[in-house]
């Protein structure tokens, strides 16, 4: 989970530097984390129900609740998403505070 968190924050930082929008970085990091975990769930589905063949998986295989029964996959996307949005919120609040302090 720590590696996922660090990668998400790296993605967030890269997008934020390029766009000057920390919220855009948080969305990009979250999209990566969620997509990665859905992909991992697809692999779990293929192993459990698809006889090891991707062709046997329906389009919704990665969203099947039966392959989301453990806590790890949930934390692997929830922690990076929460951290990214929390960090973006903190940075944006500080930036807004700095702008109002400079105007007074």
C-alpha atoms as a PDB file:
ATOM      1  CA  UNK A   1       0.000   0.000   0.000  1.00  0.00           C
ATOM      2  CA  UNK A   2       2.864   2.390   0.741  1.00  0.00           C
ATOM      3  CA  UNK A   3       4.231   1.966  -2.787  1.00  0.00           C
ATOM      4  CA  UNK A   4       0.782   2.690  -4.233  1.00  0.00           C
ATOM      5  CA  UNK A   5       0.560   5.804  -2.099  1.00  0.00           C
ATOM      6  CA  UNK A   6       3.980   7.038  -3.217  1.00  0.00           C
ATOM      7  CA  UNK A   7       3.229   6.377  -6.887  1.00  0.00           C
ATOM      8  CA  UNK A   8      -0.105   8.168  -6.635  1.00  0.00           C
ATOM      9  CA  UNK A   9       1.538  11.188  -5.010  1.00  0.00           C
ATOM     10  CA  UNK A  10       4.228  11.188  -7.699  1.00  0.00           C
ATOM     11  CA  UNK A  11       1.558  11.171 -10.410  1.00  0.00           C
ATOM     12  CA  UNK A  12      -0.298  13.896  -8.579  1.00  0.00           C
ATOM     13  CA  UNK A  13       2.820  16.031  -8.310  1.00  0.00           C
ATOM     14  CA  UNK A  14       3.690  15.585 -11.966  1.00  0.00           C
ATOM     15  CA  UNK A  15       0.244  16.579 -13.162  1.00  0.00           C
ATOM     16  CA  UNK A  16       0.053  19.432 -10.658  1.00  0.00           C
ATOM     17  CA  UNK A  17       3.380  20.856 -11.806  1.00  0.00           C
ATOM     18  CA  UNK A  18       2.348  20.571 -15.457  1.00  0.00           C
ATOM     19  CA  UNK A  19      -1.118  22.073 -14.996  1.00  0.00           C
ATOM     20  CA  UNK A  20      -0.673  24.192 -11.852  1.00  0.00           C
ATOM     21  CA  UNK A  21      -3.827  22.504 -10.571  1.00  0.00           C
ATOM     22  CA  UNK A  22      -3.416  20.227  -7.570  1.00  0.00           C
ATOM     23  CA  UNK A  23      -6.970  18.991  -7.889  1.00  0.00           C
ATOM     24  CA  UNK A  24      -6.229  17.821 -11.436  1.00  0.00           C
ATOM     25  CA  UNK A  25      -3.265  15.930 -10.021  1.00  0.00           C
ATOM     26  CA  UNK A  26      -5.480  14.315  -7.398  1.00  0.00           C
ATOM     27  CA  UNK A  27      -7.940  13.206 -10.070  1.00  0.00           C
ATOM     28  CA  UNK A  28      -5.136  11.751 -12.199  1.00  0.00           C
ATOM     29  CA  UNK A  29      -3.649   9.901  -9.225  1.00  0.00           C
ATOM     30  CA  UNK A  30      -7.063   8.561  -8.257  1.00  0.00           C
ATOM     31  CA  UNK A  31      -7.819   7.434 -11.792  1.00  0.00           C
ATOM     32  CA  UNK A  32      -4.546   5.524 -11.840  1.00  0.00           C
ATOM     33  CA  UNK A  33      -5.126   3.890  -8.437  1.00  0.00           C
ATOM     34  CA  UNK A  34      -8.701   2.873  -9.201  1.00  0.00           C
ATOM     35  CA  UNK A  35      -7.889   1.576 -12.687  1.00  0.00           C
ATOM     36  CA  UNK A  36      -4.976  -0.432 -11.317  1.00  0.00           C
ATOM     37  CA  UNK A  37      -7.141  -2.108  -8.692  1.00  0.00           C
ATOM     38  CA  UNK A  38      -9.922  -2.895 -11.141  1.00  0.00           C
ATOM     39  CA  UNK A  39      -7.307  -4.505 -13.383  1.00  0.00           C
ATOM     40  CA  UNK A  40      -6.056  -6.578 -10.452  1.00  0.00           C
ATOM     41  CA  UNK A  41      -9.659  -7.592  -9.715  1.00  0.00           C
ATOM     42  CA  UNK A  42      -9.994  -8.735 -13.319  1.00  0.00           C
ATOM     43  CA  UNK A  43      -7.021 -11.045 -12.825  1.00  0.00           C
ATOM     44  CA  UNK A  44      -8.594 -12.399  -9.641  1.00  0.00           C
ATOM     45  CA  UNK A  45     -11.843 -13.013 -11.530  1.00  0.00           C
ATOM     46  CA  UNK A  46     -10.052 -14.805 -14.364  1.00  0.00           C
ATOM     47  CA  UNK A  47      -8.294 -17.097 -11.885  1.00  0.00           C
ATOM     48  CA  UNK A  48     -11.426 -17.799  -9.848  1.00  0.00           C
ATOM     49  CA  UNK A  49     -14.151 -18.031 -12.490  1.00  0.00           C
ATOM     50  CA  UNK A  50     -12.656 -17.754 -15.968  1.00  0.00           C
ATOM     51  CA  UNK A  51     -10.609 -20.962 -16.136  1.00  0.00           C
ATOM     52  CA  UNK A  52      -7.493 -18.824 -16.515  1.00  0.00           C
ATOM     53  CA  UNK A  53      -8.691 -17.285 -19.786  1.00  0.00           C
ATOM     54  CA  UNK A  54      -9.326 -13.594 -20.236  1.00  0.00           C
ATOM     55  CA  UNK A  55     -11.764 -14.402 -23.032  1.00  0.00           C
ATOM     56  CA  UNK A  56     -14.066 -16.008 -20.453  1.00  0.00           C
ATOM     57  CA  UNK A  57     -14.374 -12.816 -18.415  1.00  0.00           C
ATOM     58  CA  UNK A  58     -17.469 -10.629 -18.870  1.00  0.00           C
ATOM     59  CA  UNK A  59     -17.027  -6.883 -19.157  1.00  0.00           C
ATOM     60  CA  UNK A  60     -17.981  -6.458 -15.504  1.00  0.00           C
ATOM     61  CA  UNK A  61     -15.521  -9.080 -14.174  1.00  0.00           C
ATOM     62  CA  UNK A  62     -13.297  -6.539 -12.432  1.00  0.00           C
ATOM     63  CA  UNK A  63     -16.322  -5.054 -10.673  1.00  0.00           C
ATOM     64  CA  UNK A  64     -17.727  -8.375  -9.448  1.00  0.00           C
ATOM     65  CA  UNK A  65     -18.164  -8.116  -5.653  1.00  0.00           C
ATOM     66  CA  UNK A  66     -16.953 -11.712  -5.322  1.00  0.00           C
ATOM     67  CA  UNK A  67     -13.398 -10.658  -6.182  1.00  0.00           C
ATOM     68  CA  UNK A  68     -13.446  -7.709  -3.750  1.00  0.00           C
ATOM     69  CA  UNK A  69     -13.888  -9.724  -0.553  1.00  0.00           C
ATOM     70  CA  UNK A  70     -10.557  -8.823   1.086  1.00  0.00           C
ATOM     71  CA  UNK A  71      -9.524  -5.513   2.635  1.00  0.00           C
ATOM     72  CA  UNK A  72      -6.219  -5.135   0.728  1.00  0.00           C
ATOM     73  CA  UNK A  73      -7.658  -4.211  -2.686  1.00  0.00           C
ATOM     74  CA  UNK A  74      -9.940  -1.653  -1.077  1.00  0.00           C
ATOM     75  CA  UNK A  75      -7.082  -0.018   0.808  1.00  0.00           C
ATOM     76  CA  UNK A  76      -4.857  -0.063  -2.279  1.00  0.00           C
ATOM     77  CA  UNK A  77      -7.130   2.459  -3.963  1.00  0.00           C
ATOM     78  CA  UNK A  78      -8.832   4.188  -1.036  1.00  0.00           C
ATOM     79  CA  UNK A  79      -5.633   5.258   0.731  1.00  0.00           C
ATOM     80  CA  UNK A  80      -3.960   6.846  -2.339  1.00  0.00           C
ATOM     81  CA  UNK A  81      -7.202   8.558  -3.418  1.00  0.00           C
ATOM     82  CA  UNK A  82      -7.900   9.924   0.039  1.00  0.00           C
ATOM     83  CA  UNK A  83      -4.321  11.092   0.514  1.00  0.00           C
ATOM     84  CA  UNK A  84      -4.210  12.768  -2.902  1.00  0.00           C
ATOM     85  CA  UNK A  85      -7.450  14.681  -2.396  1.00  0.00           C
ATOM     86  CA  UNK A  86      -6.540  15.603   1.163  1.00  0.00           C
ATOM     87  CA  UNK A  87      -3.151  16.911   0.058  1.00  0.00           C
ATOM     88  CA  UNK A  88      -4.719  18.821  -2.843  1.00  0.00           C
ATOM     89  CA  UNK A  89      -7.260  20.360  -0.477  1.00  0.00           C
ATOM     90  CA  UNK A  90      -4.544  21.402   1.998  1.00  0.00           C
ATOM     91  CA  UNK A  91      -2.377  22.938  -0.725  1.00  0.00           C
ATOM     92  CA  UNK A  92      -5.292  24.784  -2.322  1.00  0.00           C
ATOM     93  CA  UNK A  93      -6.417  26.124   1.067  1.00  0.00           C
ATOM     94  CA  UNK A  94      -2.906  27.399   1.774  1.00  0.00           C
ATOM     95  CA  UNK A  95      -2.698  28.993  -1.656  1.00  0.00           C
ATOM     96  CA  UNK A  96      -6.050  30.690  -1.125  1.00  0.00           C
ATOM     97  CA  UNK A  97      -4.941  31.846   2.326  1.00  0.00           C
ATOM     98  CA  UNK A  98      -1.702  33.235   0.919  1.00  0.00           C
ATOM     99  CA  UNK A  99      -3.629  35.208  -1.700  1.00  0.00           C
ATOM    100  CA  UNK A 100      -5.952  36.785   0.861  1.00  0.00           C
ATOM    101  CA  UNK A 101      -3.040  37.523   3.216  1.00  0.00           C
ATOM    102  CA  UNK A 102      -1.215  39.282   0.395  1.00  0.00           C
ATOM    103  CA  UNK A 103      -4.215  41.474  -0.402  1.00  0.00           C
ATOM    104  CA  UNK A 104      -4.781  42.718   3.150  1.00  0.00           C
END
